[in-house]
Amino acid sequence: MEVNHETTSYNPGDIVYVFYRNPHTQDVANVQEAAVVNNPENPNELAIFLYETYYPLTNEMAVYQSEADAMHAYEQYFGYE
């Protein structure tokens, strides 16, 4: 999966789109809007704030700047709904 963190600069307050798996049903994934914030555990790093939880913003996370880009990638990896 292509992740473009190295070429994309994120700032606190940016709205991004990520894939989110339902923790109760692992075979269900959705595109979800999330916010880029300062990591409360390390203010020098960024995090994704999603469902009242902070996730460190790493190169392992698939982050998209637009919902259309996220939906296109979702369809490539998971097929049409």
Protein backbone atom coordinates (compact mmCIF):
# COMPACT_ATOMS: atom_id res chain seq x y z
CA MET A 1 0.00 0.00 0.00
CA GLU A 2 1.45 3.37 -0.95
CA VAL A 3 1.80 5.75 1.93
CA ASN A 4 3.06 9.21 1.10
CA HIS A 5 4.00 10.72 4.48
CA GLU A 6 7.50 11.57 3.27
CA THR A 7 6.21 13.74 0.44
CA THR A 8 3.18 15.16 2.24
CA SER A 9 3.45 17.60 5.09
CA TYR A 10 0.72 17.48 7.73
CA ASN A 11 -0.06 20.15 10.29
CA PRO A 12 -2.17 20.09 13.45
CA GLY A 13 -5.75 20.81 12.47
CA ASP A 14 -5.57 19.10 9.07
CA ILE A 15 -8.47 16.80 8.26
CA VAL A 16 -7.41 13.50 6.66
CA TYR A 17 -9.01 10.18 5.76
CA VAL A 18 -7.86 6.78 6.97
CA PHE A 19 -8.97 3.16 6.79
CA TYR A 20 -10.50 2.05 10.08
CA ARG A 21 -11.23 -1.54 11.02
CA ASN A 22 -14.12 -2.26 13.35
CA PRO A 23 -12.50 -3.63 16.52
CA HIS A 24 -15.45 -5.99 17.06
CA THR A 25 -15.66 -7.27 13.47
CA GLN A 26 -12.16 -7.41 11.98
CA ASP A 27 -13.36 -8.13 8.43
CA VAL A 28 -15.16 -4.76 8.27
CA ALA A 29 -13.16 -1.69 7.20
CA ASN A 30 -14.36 1.82 6.41
CA VAL A 31 -12.95 5.14 5.29
CA GLN A 32 -13.10 7.50 8.25
CA GLU A 33 -12.41 11.21 8.61
CA ALA A 34 -9.79 12.01 11.27
CA ALA A 35 -7.85 15.02 12.54
CA VAL A 36 -4.10 15.55 12.64
CA VAL A 37 -3.09 16.76 16.11
CA ASN A 38 -0.01 17.13 18.27
CA ASN A 39 0.68 13.82 19.99
CA PRO A 40 -0.20 14.40 23.68
CA GLU A 41 2.48 11.87 24.73
CA ASN A 42 5.16 13.60 22.62
CA PRO A 43 4.26 17.17 21.55
CA ASN A 44 7.08 17.16 18.95
CA GLU A 45 5.29 14.45 16.97
CA LEU A 46 1.96 14.36 15.16
CA ALA A 47 -0.87 11.94 15.77
CA ILE A 48 -4.20 11.03 14.21
CA PHE A 49 -7.20 11.64 16.47
CA LEU A 50 -9.93 9.14 15.66
CA TYR A 51 -12.84 8.02 17.85
CA GLU A 52 -11.40 9.84 20.86
CA THR A 53 -8.12 7.91 20.55
CA TYR A 54 -4.67 9.17 19.51
CA TYR A 55 -2.69 7.11 16.98
CA PRO A 56 0.92 8.11 16.21
CA LEU A 57 1.21 9.35 12.62
CA THR A 58 3.72 6.91 11.13
CA ASN A 59 4.73 5.78 7.65
CA GLU A 60 2.84 2.54 8.32
CA MET A 61 -0.51 4.35 8.38
CA ALA A 62 -2.42 4.88 5.15
CA VAL A 63 -3.47 8.54 5.26
CA TYR A 64 -5.22 10.38 2.43
CA GLN A 65 -5.76 14.09 2.02
CA SER A 66 -9.16 13.72 0.37
CA GLU A 67 -12.09 11.40 0.82
CA ALA A 68 -12.05 10.69 -2.93
CA ASP A 69 -8.43 9.49 -2.77
CA ALA A 70 -9.23 7.31 0.23
CA MET A 71 -12.29 5.81 -1.45
CA HIS A 72 -10.31 5.08 -4.61
CA ALA A 73 -7.62 3.25 -2.58
CA TYR A 74 -10.31 1.46 -0.56
CA GLU A 75 -11.92 0.16 -3.75
CA GLN A 76 -8.52 -1.02 -5.03
CA TYR A 77 -7.73 -2.98 -1.86
CA PHE A 78 -11.13 -4.09 -0.61
CA GLY A 79 -13.32 -4.04 -3.75
CA TYR A 80 -16.65 -2.35 -4.26
CA GLU A 81 -19.28 -2.45 -1.54
